[in-house]
C-alpha atoms as a PDB file:
ATOM      1  CA  MET A   1      27.523  18.252   1.951  1.00  0.00           C
ATOM      2  CA  THR A   2      24.829  16.045   2.636  1.00  0.00           C
ATOM      3  CA  ALA A   3      23.716  12.397   2.113  1.00  0.00           C
ATOM      4  CA  ASP A   4      20.528  11.676  -0.233  1.00  0.00           C
ATOM      5  CA  LEU A   5      18.760   9.206   2.035  1.00  0.00           C
ATOM      6  CA  THR A   6      17.167   7.368  -0.901  1.00  0.00           C
ATOM      7  CA  THR A   7      20.186   6.231  -2.229  1.00  0.00           C
ATOM      8  CA  GLY A   8      23.469   7.033   0.356  1.00  0.00           C
ATOM      9  CA  ALA A   9      24.766   9.265  -2.453  1.00  0.00           C
ATOM     10  CA  THR A  10      26.108  12.824  -1.624  1.00  0.00           C
ATOM     11  CA  ILE A  11      23.988  15.919  -2.639  1.00  0.00           C
ATOM     12  CA  THR A  12      26.327  18.841  -4.169  1.00  0.00           C
ATOM     13  CA  HIS A  13      23.274  20.331  -6.279  1.00  0.00           C
ATOM     14  CA  ALA A  14      19.717  22.079  -5.498  1.00  0.00           C
ATOM     15  CA  PRO A  15      18.163  19.796  -8.285  1.00  0.00           C
ATOM     16  CA  GLN A  16      19.431  16.701  -6.674  1.00  0.00           C
ATOM     17  CA  LEU A  17      17.964  17.732  -2.943  1.00  0.00           C
ATOM     18  CA  MET A  18      14.517  18.782  -4.910  1.00  0.00           C
ATOM     19  CA  ALA A  19      14.502  15.494  -7.016  1.00  0.00           C
ATOM     20  CA  GLY A  20      15.560  13.519  -3.825  1.00  0.00           C
ATOM     21  CA  THR A  21      12.957  14.915  -0.964  1.00  0.00           C
ATOM     22  CA  LYS A  22      10.370  14.462  -4.019  1.00  0.00           C
ATOM     23  CA  ARG A  23      11.005  10.675  -4.737  1.00  0.00           C
ATOM     24  CA  LEU A  24      10.759  10.150  -0.731  1.00  0.00           C
ATOM     25  CA  LEU A  25       7.480  12.158  -0.693  1.00  0.00           C
ATOM     26  CA  SER A  26       6.114  10.046  -3.506  1.00  0.00           C
ATOM     27  CA  GLN A  27       6.865   7.098  -1.897  1.00  0.00           C
ATOM     28  CA  GLY A  28       5.491   8.217   1.561  1.00  0.00           C
ATOM     29  CA  ILE A  29       2.309   8.800  -0.143  1.00  0.00           C
ATOM     30  CA  ALA A  30       2.312   5.415  -2.020  1.00  0.00           C
ATOM     31  CA  TYR A  31       3.273   3.268   1.121  1.00  0.00           C
ATOM     32  CA  ALA A  32       0.607   5.598   2.932  1.00  0.00           C
ATOM     33  CA  GLN A  33      -2.390   4.327   0.397  1.00  0.00           C
ATOM     34  CA  ALA A  34      -0.919   0.508   0.589  1.00  0.00           C
ATOM     35  CA  GLN A  35      -1.680   1.005   4.607  1.00  0.00           C
ATOM     36  CA  ASN A  36       1.756   0.658   4.990  1.00  0.00           C
ATOM     37  CA  PHE A  37       2.006   3.536   7.338  1.00  0.00           C
ATOM     38  CA  ASP A  38       5.072   2.694   9.247  1.00  0.00           C
ATOM     39  CA  ARG A  39       6.907   2.772   5.985  1.00  0.00           C
ATOM     40  CA  ALA A  40       5.251   5.578   4.949  1.00  0.00           C
ATOM     41  CA  ILE A  41       6.543   7.738   7.671  1.00  0.00           C
ATOM     42  CA  ALA A  42      10.096   6.769   7.550  1.00  0.00           C
ATOM     43  CA  CYS A  43       9.930   8.689   3.879  1.00  0.00           C
ATOM     44  CA  PHE A  44       8.317  11.236   5.612  1.00  0.00           C
ATOM     45  CA  SER A  45      10.738  11.611   7.946  1.00  0.00           C
ATOM     46  CA  HIS A  46      13.812  11.281   5.538  1.00  0.00           C
ATOM     47  CA  SER A  47      12.551  14.069   3.206  1.00  0.00           C
ATOM     48  CA  ILE A  48      11.932  16.008   6.364  1.00  0.00           C
ATOM     49  CA  ASN A  49      15.339  15.764   7.851  1.00  0.00           C
ATOM     50  CA  LEU A  50      17.269  16.112   4.448  1.00  0.00           C
ATOM     51  CA  ILE A  51      15.256  19.045   4.061  1.00  0.00           C
ATOM     52  CA  THR A  52      16.309  20.633   6.947  1.00  0.00           C
ATOM     53  CA  THR A  53      19.955  19.611   7.485  1.00  0.00           C
ATOM     54  CA  THR A  54      20.160  21.574   4.198  1.00  0.00           C
ATOM     55  CA  LEU A  55      18.784  24.509   5.580  1.00  0.00           C
ATOM     56  CA  LYS A  56      20.481  24.604   8.666  1.00  0.00           C
ATOM     57  CA  GLN A  57      24.211  24.025   7.217  1.00  0.00           C
ATOM     58  CA  PRO A  58      24.302  25.460   3.621  1.00  0.00           C
ATOM     59  CA  SER A  59      27.886  26.395   3.925  1.00  0.00           C
ATOM     60  CA  GLN A  60      28.332  22.689   4.908  1.00  0.00           C
ATOM     61  CA  THR A  61      26.051  21.147   2.427  1.00  0.00           C
ATOM     62  CA  GLN A  62      27.629  23.365  -0.485  1.00  0.00           C
ATOM     63  CA  ILE A  63      24.105  23.966  -1.846  1.00  0.00           C
ATOM     64  CA  ARG A  64      22.891  27.097  -3.214  1.00  0.00           C
ATOM     65  CA  LEU A  65      19.216  27.313  -3.298  1.00  0.00           C
ATOM     66  CA  THR A  66      17.595  29.884  -5.784  1.00  0.00           C
ATOM     67  CA  GLU A  67      13.934  31.641  -5.060  1.00  0.00           C
ATOM     68  CA  ILE A  68      12.511  29.054  -7.269  1.00  0.00           C
ATOM     69  CA  ASP A  69      14.132  26.376  -5.802  1.00  0.00           C
ATOM     70  CA  LEU A  70      13.431  27.537  -2.294  1.00  0.00           C
ATOM     71  CA  ILE A  71       9.768  27.682  -2.922  1.00  0.00           C
ATOM     72  CA  SER A  72       9.947  23.815  -4.309  1.00  0.00           C
ATOM     73  CA  THR A  73      11.745  22.904  -0.919  1.00  0.00           C
ATOM     74  CA  ASP A  74       9.422  24.735   1.241  1.00  0.00           C
ATOM     75  CA  LEU A  75       6.444  22.774  -0.623  1.00  0.00           C
ATOM     76  CA  ASN A  76       8.451  19.359  -0.401  1.00  0.00           C
ATOM     77  CA  LEU A  77       8.794  20.168   3.547  1.00  0.00           C
ATOM     78  CA  VAL A  78       5.456  21.310   4.289  1.00  0.00           C
ATOM     79  CA  GLN A  79       3.463  18.496   2.544  1.00  0.00           C
ATOM     80  CA  SER A  80       5.627  15.989   4.358  1.00  0.00           C
ATOM     81  CA  TYR A  81       5.060  17.459   7.651  1.00  0.00           C
ATOM     82  CA  TYR A  82       1.180  16.900   6.588  1.00  0.00           C
ATOM     83  CA  HIS A  83       1.597  13.752   5.361  1.00  0.00           C
ATOM     84  CA  ARG A  84       3.077  12.294   8.170  1.00  0.00           C
ATOM     85  CA  GLY A  85       0.836  13.937  10.715  1.00  0.00           C
ATOM     86  CA  CYS A  86      -1.489  12.103   9.019  1.00  0.00           C
ATOM     87  CA  ALA A  87       0.255   8.951   8.955  1.00  0.00           C
ATOM     88  CA  ARG A  88       0.852   8.977  12.522  1.00  0.00           C
ATOM     89  CA  CYS A  89      -2.780   9.271  13.165  1.00  0.00           C
ATOM     90  CA  ARG A  90      -3.706   6.443  11.274  1.00  0.00           C
ATOM     91  CA  ILE A  91      -0.972   4.256  13.780  1.00  0.00           C
ATOM     92  CA  GLU A  92      -2.465   5.891  16.759  1.00  0.00           C
ATOM     93  CA  ASN A  93       0.533   8.039  17.293  1.00  0.00           C
ATOM     94  CA  TYR A  94      -1.704  11.161  18.297  1.00  0.00           C
ATOM     95  CA  SER A  95       0.884  13.215  20.102  1.00  0.00           C
ATOM     96  CA  ASP A  96       3.480  13.006  17.168  1.00  0.00           C
ATOM     97  CA  ALA A  97       0.794  14.273  15.135  1.00  0.00           C
ATOM     98  CA  ILE A  98      -0.047  16.862  16.793  1.00  0.00           C
ATOM     99  CA  ALA A  99       3.353  18.232  16.518  1.00  0.00           C
ATOM    100  CA  ASP A 100       3.429  17.598  12.915  1.00  0.00           C
ATOM    101  CA  PHE A 101      -0.028  19.919  12.743  1.00  0.00           C
ATOM    102  CA  THR A 102       1.124  22.017  15.321  1.00  0.00           C
ATOM    103  CA  TYR A 103       4.424  22.651  13.008  1.00  0.00           C
ATOM    104  CA  LEU A 104       2.119  23.280   9.896  1.00  0.00           C
ATOM    105  CA  LEU A 105       0.326  25.984  12.238  1.00  0.00           C
ATOM    106  CA  GLN A 106       3.205  28.327  13.010  1.00  0.00           C
ATOM    107  CA  PRO A 107       2.697  31.608  11.040  1.00  0.00           C
ATOM    108  CA  THR A 108       5.960  31.628   9.112  1.00  0.00           C
ATOM    109  CA  VAL A 109       4.843  27.906   7.652  1.00  0.00           C
ATOM    110  CA  ALA A 110       1.204  28.614   7.289  1.00  0.00           C
ATOM    111  CA  ALA A 111       2.275  31.455   5.047  1.00  0.00           C
ATOM    112  CA  ASN A 112       3.061  28.487   2.600  1.00  0.00           C
ATOM    113  CA  ALA A 113       0.504  28.759  -0.426  1.00  0.00           C
ATOM    114  CA  TRP A 114      -0.090  24.747  -0.441  1.00  0.00           C
ATOM    115  CA  ALA A 115      -0.674  24.761   3.717  1.00  0.00           C
ATOM    116  CA  GLN A 116      -3.523  27.488   3.274  1.00  0.00           C
ATOM    117  CA  THR A 117      -5.473  25.444   1.067  1.00  0.00           C
ATOM    118  CA  LYS A 118      -5.276  22.617   4.155  1.00  0.00           C
ATOM    119  CA  HIS A 119      -5.257  25.277   6.904  1.00  0.00           C
ATOM    120  CA  ALA A 120      -8.783  23.966   7.756  1.00  0.00           C
ATOM    121  CA  GLU A 121      -7.862  20.125   7.392  1.00  0.00           C
ATOM    122  CA  ILE A 122      -4.811  20.764   9.771  1.00  0.00           C
ATOM    123  CA  TYR A 123      -6.876  22.228  12.510  1.00  0.00           C
ATOM    124  CA  ILE A 124      -9.653  19.295  12.150  1.00  0.00           C
ATOM    125  CA  HIS A 125      -7.012  16.797  11.720  1.00  0.00           C
ATOM    126  CA  ARG A 126      -5.300  18.164  15.049  1.00  0.00           C
ATOM    127  CA  GLY A 127      -8.677  18.575  16.969  1.00  0.00           C
ATOM    128  CA  ASN A 128      -9.229  14.959  16.022  1.00  0.00           C
ATOM    129  CA  ALA A 129      -5.971  13.711  17.460  1.00  0.00           C
ATOM    130  CA  HIS A 130      -6.640  15.613  20.529  1.00  0.00           C
ATOM    131  CA  ARG A 131     -10.068  14.538  20.903  1.00  0.00           C
ATOM    132  CA  ARG A 132      -8.412  10.803  20.651  1.00  0.00           C
ATOM    133  CA  LEU A 133      -6.079  12.020  23.824  1.00  0.00           C
ATOM    134  CA  GLY A 134      -9.159  13.131  25.743  1.00  0.00           C
ATOM    135  CA  ASN A 135      -7.845  16.578  25.213  1.00  0.00           C
ATOM    136  CA  TYR A 136     -11.570  18.047  24.643  1.00  0.00           C
ATOM    137  CA  VAL A 137     -10.929  21.640  25.292  1.00  0.00           C
ATOM    138  CA  GLN A 138      -7.895  21.807  22.653  1.00  0.00           C
ATOM    139  CA  SER A 139     -10.034  19.825  20.194  1.00  0.00           C
ATOM    140  CA  LEU A 140     -13.018  21.831  20.591  1.00  0.00           C
ATOM    141  CA  ASN A 141     -10.587  24.920  19.941  1.00  0.00           C
ATOM    142  CA  ASP A 142      -9.561  23.256  16.832  1.00  0.00           C
ATOM    143  CA  LEU A 143     -12.389  21.732  15.625  1.00  0.00           C
ATOM    144  CA  ASN A 144     -14.237  25.148  15.571  1.00  0.00           C
ATOM    145  CA  GLN A 145     -11.445  26.399  13.826  1.00  0.00           C
ATOM    146  CA  GLY A 146     -11.899  23.744  11.039  1.00  0.00           C
ATOM    147  CA  ILE A 147     -15.751  24.817  10.781  1.00  0.00           C
ATOM    148  CA  GLU A 148     -14.827  28.536  10.573  1.00  0.00           C
ATOM    149  CA  LYS A 149     -12.153  28.043   8.034  1.00  0.00           C
ATOM    150  CA  SER A 150     -13.954  25.579   5.748  1.00  0.00           C
ATOM    151  CA  ALA A 151     -16.938  27.400   5.922  1.00  0.00           C
ATOM    152  CA  GLY A 152     -18.789  24.751   7.664  1.00  0.00           C
ATOM    153  CA  SER A 153     -17.838  21.797   5.989  1.00  0.00           C
ATOM    154  CA  ALA A 154     -19.479  18.097   6.169  1.00  0.00           C
ATOM    155  CA  GLN A 155     -16.236  16.732   7.865  1.00  0.00           C
ATOM    156  CA  SER A 156     -15.923  19.618  10.392  1.00  0.00           C
ATOM    157  CA  TYR A 157     -19.368  19.035  12.034  1.00  0.00           C
ATOM    158  CA  SER A 158     -19.078  15.557  11.713  1.00  0.00           C
ATOM    159  CA  CYS A 159     -15.940  15.584  13.708  1.00  0.00           C
ATOM    160  CA  ARG A 160     -17.231  17.898  16.190  1.00  0.00           C
ATOM    161  CA  GLY A 161     -20.101  15.588  16.629  1.00  0.00           C
ATOM    162  CA  LEU A 162     -17.859  12.649  17.425  1.00  0.00           C
ATOM    163  CA  LEU A 163     -16.091  14.976  20.032  1.00  0.00           C
ATOM    164  CA  GLN A 164     -19.457  15.690  21.532  1.00  0.00           C
ATOM    165  CA  LEU A 165     -20.346  11.979  21.485  1.00  0.00           C
ATOM    166  CA  ASP A 166     -17.111  11.513  23.704  1.00  0.00           C
ATOM    167  CA  LYS A 167     -18.155  14.492  26.042  1.00  0.00           C
ATOM    168  CA  GLY A 168     -21.580  12.798  26.332  1.00  0.00           C
ATOM    169  CA  GLU A 169     -23.124  15.940  24.781  1.00  0.00           C
ATOM    170  CA  PHE A 170     -25.263  14.138  22.794  1.00  0.00           C
ATOM    171  CA  GLU A 171     -28.353  16.641  21.746  1.00  0.00           C
ATOM    172  CA  ARG A 172     -25.287  18.829  20.560  1.00  0.00           C
ATOM    173  CA  ALA A 173     -23.708  15.802  18.948  1.00  0.00           C
ATOM    174  CA  ILE A 174     -26.793  15.469  16.930  1.00  0.00           C
ATOM    175  CA  ALA A 175     -27.179  18.708  16.255  1.00  0.00           C
ATOM    176  CA  ASP A 176     -23.917  18.327  14.478  1.00  0.00           C
ATOM    177  CA  PHE A 177     -24.190  15.498  12.559  1.00  0.00           C
ATOM    178  CA  ASP A 178     -27.797  16.922  11.043  1.00  0.00           C
ATOM    179  CA  GLN A 179     -25.768  19.646   9.841  1.00  0.00           C
ATOM    180  CA  ALA A 180     -23.193  17.347   8.537  1.00  0.00           C
ATOM    181  CA  LEU A 181     -25.902  15.369   6.661  1.00  0.00           C
ATOM    182  CA  SER A 182     -27.589  18.138   5.273  1.00  0.00           C
ATOM    183  CA  LEU A 183     -24.649  19.342   3.674  1.00  0.00           C
ATOM    184  CA  HIS A 184     -23.735  15.981   2.486  1.00  0.00           C
ATOM    185  CA  PRO A 185     -26.446  13.622   2.330  1.00  0.00           C
ATOM    186  CA  THR A 186     -24.686  10.897   0.975  1.00  0.00           C
ATOM    187  CA  PHE A 187     -22.243  10.598   3.712  1.00  0.00           C
ATOM    188  CA  SER A 188     -22.824   7.205   4.978  1.00  0.00           C
ATOM    189  CA  GLN A 189     -20.810   7.122   8.126  1.00  0.00           C
ATOM    190  CA  GLY A 190     -22.763  10.271   9.171  1.00  0.00           C
ATOM    191  CA  TYR A 191     -25.752   8.073   9.296  1.00  0.00           C
ATOM    192  CA  LEU A 192     -24.096   5.322  11.576  1.00  0.00           C
ATOM    193  CA  TRP A 193     -22.751   8.013  14.269  1.00  0.00           C
ATOM    194  CA  ARG A 194     -26.710  10.019  13.724  1.00  0.00           C
ATOM    195  CA  GLY A 195     -28.195   6.790  14.694  1.00  0.00           C
ATOM    196  CA  PHE A 196     -25.759   5.883  17.554  1.00  0.00           C
ATOM    197  CA  ALA A 197     -26.440   9.585  19.000  1.00  0.00           C
ATOM    198  CA  SER A 198     -30.232   9.040  18.913  1.00  0.00           C
ATOM    199  CA  LEU A 199     -29.481   5.613  20.995  1.00  0.00           C
ATOM    200  CA  ARG A 200     -27.658   7.572  23.692  1.00  0.00           C
ATOM    201  CA  CYS A 201     -30.343   9.914  23.896  1.00  0.00           C
ATOM    202  CA  GLY A 202     -32.945   7.387  24.578  1.00  0.00           C
ATOM    203  CA  GLN A 203     -34.661   7.442  20.640  1.00  0.00           C
ATOM    204  CA  PRO A 204     -34.351   4.154  19.727  1.00  0.00           C
ATOM    205  CA  GLU A 205     -36.965   4.573  17.259  1.00  0.00           C
ATOM    206  CA  GLN A 206     -35.150   7.558  15.639  1.00  0.00           C
ATOM    207  CA  SER A 207     -31.618   5.696  15.698  1.00  0.00           C
ATOM    208  CA  LEU A 208     -33.612   2.262  13.721  1.00  0.00           C
ATOM    209  CA  SER A 209     -34.085   4.806  11.012  1.00  0.00           C
ATOM    210  CA  TYR A 210     -30.626   6.400  10.831  1.00  0.00           C
ATOM    211  CA  LEU A 211     -28.598   3.063  11.406  1.00  0.00           C
ATOM    212  CA  THR A 212     -31.115   1.146   8.960  1.00  0.00           C
ATOM    213  CA  ARG A 213     -29.536   4.164   6.035  1.00  0.00           C
ATOM    214  CA  ALA A 214     -26.220   3.539   7.239  1.00  0.00           C
ATOM    215  CA  ILE A 215     -26.619  -0.237   6.512  1.00  0.00           C
ATOM    216  CA  GLU A 216     -28.053   0.196   3.452  1.00  0.00           C
ATOM    217  CA  ALA A 217     -24.721   2.336   2.619  1.00  0.00           C
ATOM    218  CA  ILE A 218     -22.245  -0.002   4.392  1.00  0.00           C
ATOM    219  CA  PRO A 219     -23.983  -3.429   4.151  1.00  0.00           C
ATOM    220  CA  ASN A 220     -20.630  -5.009   6.095  1.00  0.00           C
ATOM    221  CA  CYS A 221     -20.650  -2.396   8.838  1.00  0.00           C
ATOM    222  CA  ALA A 222     -20.686  -4.163  12.093  1.00  0.00           C
ATOM    223  CA  GLU A 223     -20.783  -1.521  14.078  1.00  0.00           C
ATOM    224  CA  ALA A 224     -23.988  -0.345  12.465  1.00  0.00           C
ATOM    225  CA  TYR A 225     -25.486  -3.906  12.949  1.00  0.00           C
ATOM    226  CA  ASN A 226     -24.748  -3.893  16.726  1.00  0.00           C
ATOM    227  CA  HIS A 227     -26.381  -0.454  17.125  1.00  0.00           C
ATOM    228  CA  ARG A 228     -29.212  -1.530  15.615  1.00  0.00           C
ATOM    229  CA  GLY A 229     -29.614  -4.470  17.583  1.00  0.00           C
ATOM    230  CA  VAL A 230     -29.250  -2.572  20.840  1.00  0.00           C
ATOM    231  CA  ALA A 231     -32.408  -0.385  19.454  1.00  0.00           C
ATOM    232  CA  HIS A 232     -34.444  -3.274  18.514  1.00  0.00           C
ATOM    233  CA  PHE A 233     -33.484  -4.369  21.832  1.00  0.00           C
ATOM    234  CA  GLN A 234     -34.645  -1.417  23.830  1.00  0.00           C
ATOM    235  CA  LEU A 235     -37.914  -1.638  21.635  1.00  0.00           C
ATOM    236  CA  GLN A 236     -38.604  -5.152  22.381  1.00  0.00           C
ATOM    237  CA  ASP A 237     -38.201  -6.510  19.349  1.00  0.00           C
ATOM    238  CA  LEU A 238     -36.017  -9.526  20.499  1.00  0.00           C
ATOM    239  CA  ALA A 239     -35.586 -11.592  17.319  1.00  0.00           C
ATOM    240  CA  SER A 240     -34.699  -8.633  15.144  1.00  0.00           C
ATOM    241  CA  ALA A 241     -32.263  -7.437  17.731  1.00  0.00           C
ATOM    242  CA  GLN A 242     -30.844 -11.073  17.852  1.00  0.00           C
ATOM    243  CA  ALA A 243     -30.679 -11.069  14.285  1.00  0.00           C
ATOM    244  CA  ASP A 244     -28.553  -8.065  14.015  1.00  0.00           C
ATOM    245  CA  PHE A 245     -26.210  -9.237  16.937  1.00  0.00           C
ATOM    246  CA  GLU A 246     -25.137 -12.399  15.469  1.00  0.00           C
ATOM    247  CA  GLN A 247     -24.652 -10.301  11.768  1.00  0.00           C
ATOM    248  CA  ALA A 248     -22.252  -7.884  13.789  1.00  0.00           C
ATOM    249  CA  ILE A 249     -20.544 -11.253  15.020  1.00  0.00           C
ATOM    250  CA  ARG A 250     -20.345 -12.778  11.314  1.00  0.00           C
ATOM    251  CA  LEU A 251     -19.215  -9.292  10.282  1.00  0.00           C
ATOM    252  CA  GLN A 252     -16.341  -9.246  12.690  1.00  0.00           C
ATOM    253  CA  PRO A 253     -15.804 -12.139  14.720  1.00  0.00           C
ATOM    254  CA  ASP A 254     -13.612 -10.383  17.508  1.00  0.00           C
ATOM    255  CA  PHE A 255     -16.354  -7.737  18.174  1.00  0.00           C
ATOM    256  CA  ALA A 256     -16.739  -7.947  22.163  1.00  0.00           C
ATOM    257  CA  GLU A 257     -19.280  -5.642  22.329  1.00  0.00           C
ATOM    258  CA  ALA A 258     -21.634  -7.498  20.275  1.00  0.00           C
ATOM    259  CA  TYR A 259     -21.025 -10.988  21.980  1.00  0.00           C
ATOM    260  CA  SER A 260     -21.491  -8.718  25.341  1.00  0.00           C
ATOM    261  CA  ASN A 261     -25.032  -7.532  23.800  1.00  0.00           C
ATOM    262  CA  ARG A 262     -25.898 -10.934  22.548  1.00  0.00           C
ATOM    263  CA  GLY A 263     -25.208 -12.412  26.073  1.00  0.00           C
ATOM    264  CA  ASN A 264     -27.523  -9.779  27.535  1.00  0.00           C
ATOM    265  CA  LEU A 265     -30.197 -10.626  25.017  1.00  0.00           C
ATOM    266  CA  ARG A 266     -29.703 -14.289  25.740  1.00  0.00           C
ATOM    267  CA  GLN A 267     -29.943 -13.301  29.530  1.00  0.00           C
ATOM    268  CA  HIS A 268     -33.027 -12.002  29.251  1.00  0.00           C
ATOM    269  CA  LEU A 269     -34.269 -14.720  27.140  1.00  0.00           C
ATOM    270  CA  GLY A 270     -33.323 -17.319  29.803  1.00  0.00           C
ATOM    271  CA  ASP A 271     -30.759 -18.558  27.763  1.00  0.00           C
ATOM    272  CA  CYS A 272     -28.168 -18.721  30.723  1.00  0.00           C
ATOM    273  CA  GLY A 273     -25.769 -21.126  29.143  1.00  0.00           C
ATOM    274  CA  GLY A 274     -25.618 -19.044  25.920  1.00  0.00           C
ATOM    275  CA  ALA A 275     -25.038 -15.778  27.733  1.00  0.00           C
ATOM    276  CA  ILE A 276     -22.115 -16.817  29.550  1.00  0.00           C
ATOM    277  CA  THR A 277     -20.342 -18.109  26.769  1.00  0.00           C
ATOM    278  CA  ASP A 278     -20.937 -14.923  25.141  1.00  0.00           C
ATOM    279  CA  TYR A 279     -19.491 -13.085  28.220  1.00  0.00           C
ATOM    280  CA  ASN A 280     -16.897 -15.434  28.495  1.00  0.00           C
ATOM    281  CA  ARG A 281     -15.985 -14.737  24.616  1.00  0.00           C
ATOM    282  CA  ALA A 282     -16.514 -11.270  25.133  1.00  0.00           C
ATOM    283  CA  ILE A 283     -13.872 -11.157  28.205  1.00  0.00           C
ATOM    284  CA  ALA A 284     -11.590 -12.537  26.389  1.00  0.00           C
ATOM    285  CA  LEU A 285     -11.471 -10.330  23.143  1.00  0.00           C
ATOM    286  CA  ASP A 286     -11.520  -6.870  25.634  1.00  0.00           C
ATOM    287  CA  PRO A 287     -10.909  -7.795  29.478  1.00  0.00           C
ATOM    288  CA  THR A 288     -11.046  -4.199  30.208  1.00  0.00           C
ATOM    289  CA  LEU A 289     -15.007  -4.300  29.820  1.00  0.00           C
ATOM    290  CA  ALA A 290     -15.575  -4.332  33.674  1.00  0.00           C
ATOM    291  CA  GLU A 291     -19.466  -4.774  33.549  1.00  0.00           C
ATOM    292  CA  LEU A 292     -19.180  -8.014  31.803  1.00  0.00           C
ATOM    293  CA  TYR A 293     -17.595  -9.924  35.084  1.00  0.00           C
ATOM    294  CA  PHE A 294     -20.782  -8.462  36.799  1.00  0.00           C
ATOM    295  CA  ASN A 295     -23.143  -9.808  34.029  1.00  0.00           C
ATOM    296  CA  ARG A 296     -21.671 -13.220  34.098  1.00  0.00           C
ATOM    297  CA  ALA A 297     -21.409 -13.652  37.771  1.00  0.00           C
ATOM    298  CA  THR A 298     -25.269 -12.617  38.004  1.00  0.00           C
ATOM    299  CA  THR A 299     -26.373 -14.978  35.175  1.00  0.00           C
ATOM    300  CA  ALA A 300     -23.791 -17.594  36.432  1.00  0.00           C
ATOM    301  CA  GLN A 301     -25.198 -17.648  39.967  1.00  0.00           C
ATOM    302  CA  PRO A 302     -29.206 -19.096  39.397  1.00  0.00           C
ATOM    303  CA  TYR A 303     -27.540 -20.761  36.400  1.00  0.00           C
ATOM    304  CA  GLU A 304     -25.163 -23.030  38.549  1.00  0.00           C
ATOM    305  CA  LEU A 305     -27.617 -23.935  41.017  1.00  0.00           C
ATOM    306  CA  GLN A 306     -29.926 -25.667  38.559  1.00  0.00           C
ATOM    307  CA  PRO A 307     -29.014 -29.426  39.228  1.00  0.00           C
ATOM    308  CA  ALA A 308     -27.330 -31.116  36.750  1.00  0.00           C
ATOM    309  CA  SER A 309     -29.202 -33.101  34.055  1.00  0.00           C
ATOM    310  CA  ILE A 310     -29.497 -37.252  34.260  1.00  0.00           C
ATOM    311  CA  ASP A 311     -29.484 -39.223  30.980  1.00  0.00           C
END
């Protein structure tokens, strides 16, 4: 016999097993939608453990599964692995997420009808997880598979574009984002990424156009304002750059990069005190930004040599 992990009761019949795992699956999905990913993962894991324990030890569980029961149980198992992998990505547990998606890509599991409908997405999710871990070769292989199996979806091209950004392949990133936007012209996040790629390619005028489109679609996107501020700064439109950095900070008060960029702008304008204040704030928020220490030091030196004011 096996314990029903939702109630603690003992399961002796197949309908109880299917009802229990289906309930766990539904609860997990509801928790994930509510952004409670730890509880979601616990539900999916309970569902998986319940099914695998039953299937591995049928003689001990006293459950006799018919062919219909097996199909339903297998569906619950596959869906639990898929949703657990997605939830693990959301809490940045990429290694375990990769394990879940790899399980789903096994030939015997991938033959499941539901898994086949998710085949492209599974490759894309696993490719993104590999990208987050810096496994660029594995990521590219998976994302290429995702593009092939989805017949070239906007999602698959945009994800590969992000990988190209991480690798510093900015022209290739632009090509992928262009492809994604041609397939999905209202894909607002794609305009953000396309604008950033243009910025990294030294094309601030082009970047402005895409980032403005992103801001029109996502008016509360601090990242878009920050990147557009950099484009304005590179084009020597300092007033617009300052306005964008300040809007980014208003929208996201813990945005270290925006403080850093506004510090650079203030230093450029000769406001050394304001620049140091921004650098200090950026360092407090993200001590790993090494260049900020250098920027702060070079700004502080001439500033601190100024004589103190006399009232």
